[in-house]
Amino acid sequence: MGTAPDRILTHAMVDDLRAGHRLSPWADAVYAELVAKVEDPSFPCTFGTLALRKGDLLVAFVETNDAESLRQGVCDRFIEYTDRMRSLDPVAASLHPLALFLPPPAGVRTIEEYFAFGWSLLQWVHDRDSHPWPARVASDPDDPAWSYCFGGVPLFVNFKTPAHHQRRSRRMAGGYLLLIQTRDGFDVVAGNTPQGRRARGLIRQKLAAYDTIAPYPELAHFGTADNREWKQYFVPDDNTPAHRQCPFRNSG
């Protein structure tokens, strides 16, 4: 068995590596776990299922327990991903999510610890972004129109952890998963339009059936007055807010 390649891979490339036994046991297992989850007909995110079915899902593994190497590996994948997505039109880009797998961090066990660790990663990556924050995107996480940006590209980051149990949609037993999508295309395929409202309604209906707990009450629609996008990145395992204030600070 080998180790995971240090770059972004297509779905087909990962399948080839698995067939040739060229992934580590950990990388092989977490990828198989995600595929099984997304292929389940009851899985709520229809966009993720579609991306997997069409071969548009992108995959990366940062397979190290060294803290500095892990942070740098995550940053390198953000650079590679946004470089790829920048040349695509918004809808096409949003349909190419990146599944970025990390090993369970040493000493991190609880929802609160995973929350802090994940946001510390996003902060570290942001602090090393060579691109300015896009002028069209709010810079304060308390603004309804804020979203995380890297490389000049607005992103949505969905954290999945081994600490989630009731909220199956956010569980990844074998690792810490950052599921990353460009967010501009959301306003077209799932925005505040009749088609977008139907798409969101279907996803949330499936979510209520999939998880063993009611949908998180902080889920809202981007740009609406009550929306705080950061609260949807990391959703706790119950309906108690994981944190009252976003730990992210924009450094410009």
C-alpha atoms as a PDB file:
ATOM      1  CA  MET A   1       0.000   0.000   0.000  1.00  0.00           C
ATOM      2  CA  GLY A   2       1.177   3.504  -0.808  1.00  0.00           C
ATOM      3  CA  THR A   3       0.259   6.901   0.547  1.00  0.00           C
ATOM      4  CA  ALA A   4      -2.193   9.390  -0.854  1.00  0.00           C
ATOM      5  CA  PRO A   5      -0.824  11.571  -3.690  1.00  0.00           C
ATOM      6  CA  ASP A   6      -0.094  15.158  -2.728  1.00  0.00           C
ATOM      7  CA  ARG A   7      -2.504  16.780  -5.205  1.00  0.00           C
ATOM      8  CA  ILE A   8      -6.161  17.016  -6.157  1.00  0.00           C
ATOM      9  CA  LEU A   9      -7.522  13.914  -7.864  1.00  0.00           C
ATOM     10  CA  THR A  10     -10.564  13.211  -9.960  1.00  0.00           C
ATOM     11  CA  HIS A  11     -13.023  10.501  -8.969  1.00  0.00           C
ATOM     12  CA  ALA A  12     -11.653   8.319 -11.802  1.00  0.00           C
ATOM     13  CA  MET A  13      -8.053   8.815 -10.669  1.00  0.00           C
ATOM     14  CA  VAL A  14      -8.899   7.724  -7.134  1.00  0.00           C
ATOM     15  CA  ASP A  15     -10.653   4.618  -8.449  1.00  0.00           C
ATOM     16  CA  ASP A  16      -7.540   3.743 -10.472  1.00  0.00           C
ATOM     17  CA  LEU A  17      -5.313   4.182  -7.420  1.00  0.00           C
ATOM     18  CA  ARG A  18      -7.616   1.999  -5.346  1.00  0.00           C
ATOM     19  CA  ALA A  19      -7.704  -0.693  -8.016  1.00  0.00           C
ATOM     20  CA  GLY A  20      -3.896  -0.747  -8.044  1.00  0.00           C
ATOM     21  CA  HIS A  21      -3.692  -0.788  -4.213  1.00  0.00           C
ATOM     22  CA  ARG A  22      -1.742   2.473  -4.335  1.00  0.00           C
ATOM     23  CA  LEU A  23      -3.622   4.262  -1.582  1.00  0.00           C
ATOM     24  CA  SER A  24      -2.886   3.879   2.113  1.00  0.00           C
ATOM     25  CA  PRO A  25      -5.443   1.867   4.110  1.00  0.00           C
ATOM     26  CA  TRP A  26      -6.653   5.104   5.745  1.00  0.00           C
ATOM     27  CA  ALA A  27      -7.153   6.979   2.456  1.00  0.00           C
ATOM     28  CA  ASP A  28      -8.865   3.976   0.887  1.00  0.00           C
ATOM     29  CA  ALA A  29     -11.208   3.590   3.869  1.00  0.00           C
ATOM     30  CA  VAL A  30     -12.296   7.236   4.183  1.00  0.00           C
ATOM     31  CA  TYR A  31     -12.896   7.526   0.461  1.00  0.00           C
ATOM     32  CA  ALA A  32     -14.976   4.337   0.461  1.00  0.00           C
ATOM     33  CA  GLU A  33     -16.938   5.693   3.436  1.00  0.00           C
ATOM     34  CA  LEU A  34     -17.788   8.918   1.601  1.00  0.00           C
ATOM     35  CA  VAL A  35     -18.783   7.117  -1.603  1.00  0.00           C
ATOM     36  CA  ALA A  36     -21.069   4.747   0.296  1.00  0.00           C
ATOM     37  CA  LYS A  37     -22.665   7.709   2.067  1.00  0.00           C
ATOM     38  CA  VAL A  38     -23.212   9.771  -1.081  1.00  0.00           C
ATOM     39  CA  GLU A  39     -24.499   6.817  -3.115  1.00  0.00           C
ATOM     40  CA  ASP A  40     -27.179   6.088  -0.495  1.00  0.00           C
ATOM     41  CA  PRO A  41     -30.506   7.171  -2.095  1.00  0.00           C
ATOM     42  CA  SER A  42     -31.532   8.750   1.221  1.00  0.00           C
ATOM     43  CA  PHE A  43     -28.460  11.027   1.348  1.00  0.00           C
ATOM     44  CA  PRO A  44     -29.794  14.600   1.523  1.00  0.00           C
ATOM     45  CA  CYS A  45     -27.366  16.504  -0.722  1.00  0.00           C
ATOM     46  CA  THR A  46     -28.555  15.848  -4.258  1.00  0.00           C
ATOM     47  CA  PHE A  47     -25.779  18.069  -5.653  1.00  0.00           C
ATOM     48  CA  GLY A  48     -23.124  15.860  -4.054  1.00  0.00           C
ATOM     49  CA  THR A  49     -24.774  12.720  -5.389  1.00  0.00           C
ATOM     50  CA  LEU A  50     -24.921  14.233  -8.874  1.00  0.00           C
ATOM     51  CA  ALA A  51     -21.244  15.275  -8.743  1.00  0.00           C
ATOM     52  CA  LEU A  52     -20.200  11.747  -7.784  1.00  0.00           C
ATOM     53  CA  ARG A  53     -22.401  10.143 -10.448  1.00  0.00           C
ATOM     54  CA  LYS A  54     -21.048  12.430 -13.189  1.00  0.00           C
ATOM     55  CA  GLY A  55     -17.435  12.039 -12.093  1.00  0.00           C
ATOM     56  CA  ASP A  56     -17.174  15.729 -11.148  1.00  0.00           C
ATOM     57  CA  LEU A  57     -16.242  15.155  -7.509  1.00  0.00           C
ATOM     58  CA  LEU A  58     -12.656  16.176  -6.766  1.00  0.00           C
ATOM     59  CA  VAL A  59     -10.709  14.485  -3.975  1.00  0.00           C
ATOM     60  CA  ALA A  60      -7.601  15.275  -1.949  1.00  0.00           C
ATOM     61  CA  PHE A  61      -5.933  13.693   1.067  1.00  0.00           C
ATOM     62  CA  VAL A  62      -3.565  15.471   3.457  1.00  0.00           C
ATOM     63  CA  GLU A  63      -2.135  12.416   5.153  1.00  0.00           C
ATOM     64  CA  THR A  64       0.090  13.613   7.972  1.00  0.00           C
ATOM     65  CA  ASN A  65      -0.072  14.001  11.737  1.00  0.00           C
ATOM     66  CA  ASP A  66       2.498  16.801  11.759  1.00  0.00           C
ATOM     67  CA  ALA A  67       0.610  20.020  12.530  1.00  0.00           C
ATOM     68  CA  GLU A  68       2.687  22.309  10.317  1.00  0.00           C
ATOM     69  CA  SER A  69       2.679  19.908   7.366  1.00  0.00           C
ATOM     70  CA  LEU A  70      -1.075  19.429   7.736  1.00  0.00           C
ATOM     71  CA  ARG A  71      -1.803  23.164   7.654  1.00  0.00           C
ATOM     72  CA  GLN A  72       0.478  23.695   4.679  1.00  0.00           C
ATOM     73  CA  GLY A  73      -1.058  20.730   2.862  1.00  0.00           C
ATOM     74  CA  VAL A  74      -4.541  22.151   3.380  1.00  0.00           C
ATOM     75  CA  CYS A  75      -3.387  25.564   2.154  1.00  0.00           C
ATOM     76  CA  ASP A  76      -1.797  24.018  -0.959  1.00  0.00           C
ATOM     77  CA  ARG A  77      -5.042  22.222  -1.802  1.00  0.00           C
ATOM     78  CA  PHE A  78      -7.025  25.459  -1.407  1.00  0.00           C
ATOM     79  CA  ILE A  79      -4.608  27.119  -3.838  1.00  0.00           C
ATOM     80  CA  GLU A  80      -4.891  24.266  -6.328  1.00  0.00           C
ATOM     81  CA  TYR A  81      -8.674  24.094  -6.074  1.00  0.00           C
ATOM     82  CA  THR A  82      -9.333  27.822  -6.493  1.00  0.00           C
ATOM     83  CA  ASP A  83      -6.853  27.989  -9.379  1.00  0.00           C
ATOM     84  CA  ARG A  84      -8.900  25.294 -11.120  1.00  0.00           C
ATOM     85  CA  MET A  85     -12.281  26.799 -10.333  1.00  0.00           C
ATOM     86  CA  ARG A  86     -11.412  30.383 -11.269  1.00  0.00           C
ATOM     87  CA  SER A  87     -11.488  29.598 -14.998  1.00  0.00           C
ATOM     88  CA  LEU A  88     -14.955  27.966 -14.903  1.00  0.00           C
ATOM     89  CA  ASP A  89     -18.310  29.682 -15.069  1.00  0.00           C
ATOM     90  CA  PRO A  90     -20.013  29.910 -11.652  1.00  0.00           C
ATOM     91  CA  VAL A  91     -22.497  27.060 -12.121  1.00  0.00           C
ATOM     92  CA  ALA A  92     -19.910  24.646 -13.541  1.00  0.00           C
ATOM     93  CA  ALA A  93     -17.512  25.498 -10.704  1.00  0.00           C
ATOM     94  CA  SER A  94     -20.134  24.917  -8.014  1.00  0.00           C
ATOM     95  CA  LEU A  95     -20.809  21.453  -9.430  1.00  0.00           C
ATOM     96  CA  HIS A  96     -17.162  20.404  -8.835  1.00  0.00           C
ATOM     97  CA  PRO A  97     -16.939  20.055  -5.035  1.00  0.00           C
ATOM     98  CA  LEU A  98     -13.647  19.136  -3.376  1.00  0.00           C
ATOM     99  CA  ALA A  99     -13.636  16.439  -0.696  1.00  0.00           C
ATOM    100  CA  LEU A 100     -10.523  17.218   1.370  1.00  0.00           C
ATOM    101  CA  PHE A 101      -9.773  14.397   3.822  1.00  0.00           C
ATOM    102  CA  LEU A 102      -7.633  14.852   6.941  1.00  0.00           C
ATOM    103  CA  PRO A 103      -6.738  12.250   9.591  1.00  0.00           C
ATOM    104  CA  PRO A 104      -8.565  12.685  12.916  1.00  0.00           C
ATOM    105  CA  PRO A 105      -6.385  15.294  14.705  1.00  0.00           C
ATOM    106  CA  ALA A 106      -4.489  14.076  17.750  1.00  0.00           C
ATOM    107  CA  GLY A 107      -6.205  15.058  20.980  1.00  0.00           C
ATOM    108  CA  VAL A 108      -9.362  16.291  19.233  1.00  0.00           C
ATOM    109  CA  ARG A 109     -12.431  14.370  20.399  1.00  0.00           C
ATOM    110  CA  THR A 110     -15.447  16.590  21.060  1.00  0.00           C
ATOM    111  CA  ILE A 111     -17.665  18.683  18.790  1.00  0.00           C
ATOM    112  CA  GLU A 112     -16.261  21.835  20.400  1.00  0.00           C
ATOM    113  CA  GLU A 113     -12.675  20.706  19.763  1.00  0.00           C
ATOM    114  CA  TYR A 114     -13.410  19.855  16.134  1.00  0.00           C
ATOM    115  CA  PHE A 115     -15.118  23.247  15.727  1.00  0.00           C
ATOM    116  CA  ALA A 116     -12.055  25.066  17.074  1.00  0.00           C
ATOM    117  CA  PHE A 117      -9.622  22.966  15.048  1.00  0.00           C
ATOM    118  CA  GLY A 118     -11.519  23.435  11.777  1.00  0.00           C
ATOM    119  CA  TRP A 119     -11.836  27.184  12.121  1.00  0.00           C
ATOM    120  CA  SER A 120      -8.187  27.484  13.129  1.00  0.00           C
ATOM    121  CA  LEU A 121      -7.306  25.762   9.848  1.00  0.00           C
ATOM    122  CA  LEU A 122      -9.454  28.151   7.821  1.00  0.00           C
ATOM    123  CA  GLN A 123      -7.888  31.104   9.654  1.00  0.00           C
ATOM    124  CA  TRP A 124      -4.337  29.844   9.024  1.00  0.00           C
ATOM    125  CA  VAL A 125      -5.083  29.326   5.340  1.00  0.00           C
ATOM    126  CA  HIS A 126      -6.720  32.767   5.034  1.00  0.00           C
ATOM    127  CA  ASP A 127      -3.746  34.467   6.683  1.00  0.00           C
ATOM    128  CA  ARG A 128      -1.532  33.097   3.903  1.00  0.00           C
ATOM    129  CA  ASP A 129      -3.815  33.959   0.995  1.00  0.00           C
ATOM    130  CA  SER A 130      -1.923  35.999  -1.604  1.00  0.00           C
ATOM    131  CA  HIS A 131      -5.153  37.310  -3.142  1.00  0.00           C
ATOM    132  CA  PRO A 132      -7.085  40.234  -1.667  1.00  0.00           C
ATOM    133  CA  TRP A 133     -10.523  39.613  -0.206  1.00  0.00           C
ATOM    134  CA  PRO A 134     -13.086  40.183  -2.991  1.00  0.00           C
ATOM    135  CA  ALA A 135     -14.613  43.658  -2.694  1.00  0.00           C
ATOM    136  CA  ARG A 136     -18.053  42.266  -3.570  1.00  0.00           C
ATOM    137  CA  VAL A 137     -18.083  39.914  -0.534  1.00  0.00           C
ATOM    138  CA  ALA A 138     -18.755  41.138   2.992  1.00  0.00           C
ATOM    139  CA  SER A 139     -15.667  40.759   5.187  1.00  0.00           C
ATOM    140  CA  ASP A 140     -17.453  40.455   8.555  1.00  0.00           C
ATOM    141  CA  PRO A 141     -18.859  36.970   9.370  1.00  0.00           C
ATOM    142  CA  ASP A 142     -21.744  38.702  11.184  1.00  0.00           C
ATOM    143  CA  ASP A 143     -22.914  40.132   7.842  1.00  0.00           C
ATOM    144  CA  PRO A 144     -25.630  38.065   6.085  1.00  0.00           C
ATOM    145  CA  ALA A 145     -23.678  38.383   2.807  1.00  0.00           C
ATOM    146  CA  TRP A 146     -20.376  37.028   4.192  1.00  0.00           C
ATOM    147  CA  SER A 147     -18.786  33.815   2.975  1.00  0.00           C
ATOM    148  CA  TYR A 148     -15.286  32.430   3.368  1.00  0.00           C
ATOM    149  CA  CYS A 149     -13.037  33.380   0.451  1.00  0.00           C
ATOM    150  CA  PHE A 150      -9.703  32.131  -0.788  1.00  0.00           C
ATOM    151  CA  GLY A 151      -7.819  33.051  -3.924  1.00  0.00           C
ATOM    152  CA  GLY A 152     -10.483  35.653  -4.633  1.00  0.00           C
ATOM    153  CA  VAL A 153     -13.144  32.909  -4.815  1.00  0.00           C
ATOM    154  CA  PRO A 154     -16.135  32.779  -2.407  1.00  0.00           C
ATOM    155  CA  LEU A 155     -16.449  29.281  -0.937  1.00  0.00           C
ATOM    156  CA  PHE A 156     -18.784  27.188   1.168  1.00  0.00           C
ATOM    157  CA  VAL A 157     -17.056  24.758   3.565  1.00  0.00           C
ATOM    158  CA  ASN A 158     -18.977  21.828   5.043  1.00  0.00           C
ATOM    159  CA  PHE A 159     -17.191  20.169   7.997  1.00  0.00           C
ATOM    160  CA  LYS A 160     -17.813  16.477   8.731  1.00  0.00           C
ATOM    161  CA  THR A 161     -16.293  14.788  11.805  1.00  0.00           C
ATOM    162  CA  PRO A 162     -16.100  11.517  13.759  1.00  0.00           C
ATOM    163  CA  ALA A 163     -17.745  13.328  16.704  1.00  0.00           C
ATOM    164  CA  HIS A 164     -21.079  13.629  14.902  1.00  0.00           C
ATOM    165  CA  HIS A 165     -23.524  10.814  15.622  1.00  0.00           C
ATOM    166  CA  GLN A 166     -27.102  12.118  15.666  1.00  0.00           C
ATOM    167  CA  ARG A 167     -26.468  14.313  12.644  1.00  0.00           C
ATOM    168  CA  ARG A 168     -25.507  11.557  10.194  1.00  0.00           C
ATOM    169  CA  SER A 169     -25.246  14.077   7.356  1.00  0.00           C
ATOM    170  CA  ARG A 170     -22.242  15.604   9.151  1.00  0.00           C
ATOM    171  CA  ARG A 171     -20.553  12.370  10.216  1.00  0.00           C
ATOM    172  CA  MET A 172     -17.291  10.985   8.823  1.00  0.00           C
ATOM    173  CA  ALA A 173     -16.163   8.119  11.046  1.00  0.00           C
ATOM    174  CA  GLY A 174     -12.644   7.715   9.658  1.00  0.00           C
ATOM    175  CA  GLY A 175     -11.411  11.269   9.341  1.00  0.00           C
ATOM    176  CA  TYR A 176     -12.046  14.990   9.330  1.00  0.00           C
ATOM    177  CA  LEU A 177     -13.626  15.995   6.016  1.00  0.00           C
ATOM    178  CA  LEU A 178     -13.795  19.474   4.547  1.00  0.00           C
ATOM    179  CA  LEU A 179     -16.279  19.430   1.681  1.00  0.00           C
ATOM    180  CA  ILE A 180     -15.604  22.623  -0.264  1.00  0.00           C
ATOM    181  CA  GLN A 181     -17.646  24.240  -3.039  1.00  0.00           C
ATOM    182  CA  THR A 182     -17.521  27.564  -4.815  1.00  0.00           C
ATOM    183  CA  ARG A 183     -20.585  29.482  -3.730  1.00  0.00           C
ATOM    184  CA  ASP A 184     -21.391  31.857  -6.622  1.00  0.00           C
ATOM    185  CA  GLY A 185     -23.161  29.099  -8.529  1.00  0.00           C
ATOM    186  CA  PHE A 186     -25.437  28.447  -5.541  1.00  0.00           C
ATOM    187  CA  ASP A 187     -27.255  31.675  -6.353  1.00  0.00           C
ATOM    188  CA  VAL A 188     -28.171  30.211  -9.746  1.00  0.00           C
ATOM    189  CA  VAL A 189     -29.009  26.568  -8.929  1.00  0.00           C
ATOM    190  CA  ALA A 190     -30.231  27.013  -5.333  1.00  0.00           C
ATOM    191  CA  GLY A 191     -30.790  30.720  -4.941  1.00  0.00           C
ATOM    192  CA  ASN A 192     -33.880  32.712  -4.041  1.00  0.00           C
ATOM    193  CA  THR A 193     -35.830  31.660  -7.136  1.00  0.00           C
ATOM    194  CA  PRO A 194     -38.721  29.184  -7.536  1.00  0.00           C
ATOM    195  CA  GLN A 195     -36.270  26.557  -8.826  1.00  0.00           C
ATOM    196  CA  GLY A 196     -33.742  27.297  -6.085  1.00  0.00           C
ATOM    197  CA  ARG A 197     -36.350  27.201  -3.337  1.00  0.00           C
ATOM    198  CA  ARG A 198     -37.588  23.832  -4.613  1.00  0.00           C
ATOM    199  CA  ALA A 199     -34.024  22.465  -4.635  1.00  0.00           C
ATOM    200  CA  ARG A 200     -33.351  23.658  -1.087  1.00  0.00           C
ATOM    201  CA  GLY A 201     -36.734  22.429   0.091  1.00  0.00           C
ATOM    202  CA  LEU A 202     -36.051  18.929  -1.246  1.00  0.00           C
ATOM    203  CA  ILE A 203     -32.625  18.808   0.400  1.00  0.00           C
ATOM    204  CA  ARG A 204     -34.002  19.918   3.777  1.00  0.00           C
ATOM    205  CA  GLN A 205     -36.903  17.469   3.549  1.00  0.00           C
ATOM    206  CA  LYS A 206     -34.422  14.628   2.980  1.00  0.00           C
ATOM    207  CA  LEU A 207     -32.186  16.002   5.740  1.00  0.00           C
ATOM    208  CA  ALA A 208     -35.021  15.783   8.267  1.00  0.00           C
ATOM    209  CA  ALA A 209     -35.515  12.108   7.377  1.00  0.00           C
ATOM    210  CA  TYR A 210     -31.790  11.247   7.218  1.00  0.00           C
ATOM    211  CA  ASP A 211     -30.604  12.625  10.557  1.00  0.00           C
ATOM    212  CA  THR A 212     -31.918  11.370  13.889  1.00  0.00           C
ATOM    213  CA  ILE A 213     -32.332  14.950  15.096  1.00  0.00           C
ATOM    214  CA  ALA A 214     -34.362  17.856  13.730  1.00  0.00           C
ATOM    215  CA  PRO A 215     -32.591  20.091  11.185  1.00  0.00           C
ATOM    216  CA  TYR A 216     -30.338  22.700  12.725  1.00  0.00           C
ATOM    217  CA  PRO A 217     -32.432  25.823  13.410  1.00  0.00           C
ATOM    218  CA  GLU A 218     -29.663  28.177  12.230  1.00  0.00           C
ATOM    219  CA  LEU A 219     -29.993  26.972   8.611  1.00  0.00           C
ATOM    220  CA  ALA A 220     -31.041  29.960   6.511  1.00  0.00           C
ATOM    221  CA  HIS A 221     -30.689  31.302   2.978  1.00  0.00           C
ATOM    222  CA  PHE A 222     -27.657  33.267   1.852  1.00  0.00           C
ATOM    223  CA  GLY A 223     -28.119  37.027   2.005  1.00  0.00           C
ATOM    224  CA  THR A 224     -31.328  37.017   4.036  1.00  0.00           C
ATOM    225  CA  ALA A 225     -31.322  39.150   7.176  1.00  0.00           C
ATOM    226  CA  ASP A 226     -31.235  36.202   9.597  1.00  0.00           C
ATOM    227  CA  ASN A 227     -28.528  34.279   7.742  1.00  0.00           C
ATOM    228  CA  ARG A 228     -25.067  33.824   9.208  1.00  0.00           C
ATOM    229  CA  GLU A 229     -23.270  31.651   6.710  1.00  0.00           C
ATOM    230  CA  TRP A 230     -20.500  30.573   9.081  1.00  0.00           C
ATOM    231  CA  LYS A 231     -23.046  28.816  11.291  1.00  0.00           C
ATOM    232  CA  GLN A 232     -23.822  26.453   8.422  1.00  0.00           C
ATOM    233  CA  TYR A 233     -20.191  25.453   7.853  1.00  0.00           C
ATOM    234  CA  PHE A 234     -19.879  23.575  11.133  1.00  0.00           C
ATOM    235  CA  VAL A 235     -23.228  22.310  12.428  1.00  0.00           C
ATOM    236  CA  PRO A 236     -23.147  20.762  15.929  1.00  0.00           C
ATOM    237  CA  ASP A 237     -24.513  17.326  16.777  1.00  0.00           C
ATOM    238  CA  ASP A 238     -27.479  18.798  18.633  1.00  0.00           C
ATOM    239  CA  ASN A 239     -29.427  22.021  18.212  1.00  0.00           C
ATOM    240  CA  THR A 240     -27.366  24.007  20.695  1.00  0.00           C
ATOM    241  CA  PRO A 241     -25.060  26.517  18.953  1.00  0.00           C
ATOM    242  CA  ALA A 242     -21.433  25.362  19.004  1.00  0.00           C
ATOM    243  CA  HIS A 243     -20.260  28.954  19.353  1.00  0.00           C
ATOM    244  CA  ARG A 244     -22.001  32.296  19.704  1.00  0.00           C
ATOM    245  CA  GLN A 245     -19.434  34.193  17.659  1.00  0.00           C
ATOM    246  CA  CYS A 246     -17.465  33.214  14.573  1.00  0.00           C
ATOM    247  CA  PRO A 247     -13.775  32.797  15.455  1.00  0.00           C
ATOM    248  CA  PHE A 248     -12.676  33.875  11.952  1.00  0.00           C
ATOM    249  CA  ARG A 249     -11.012  37.270  11.609  1.00  0.00           C
ATOM    250  CA  ASN A 250     -10.497  38.854   8.204  1.00  0.00           C
ATOM    251  CA  SER A 251      -6.944  40.118   7.760  1.00  0.00           C
ATOM    252  CA  GLY A 252      -7.661  41.794   4.412  1.00  0.00           C
END
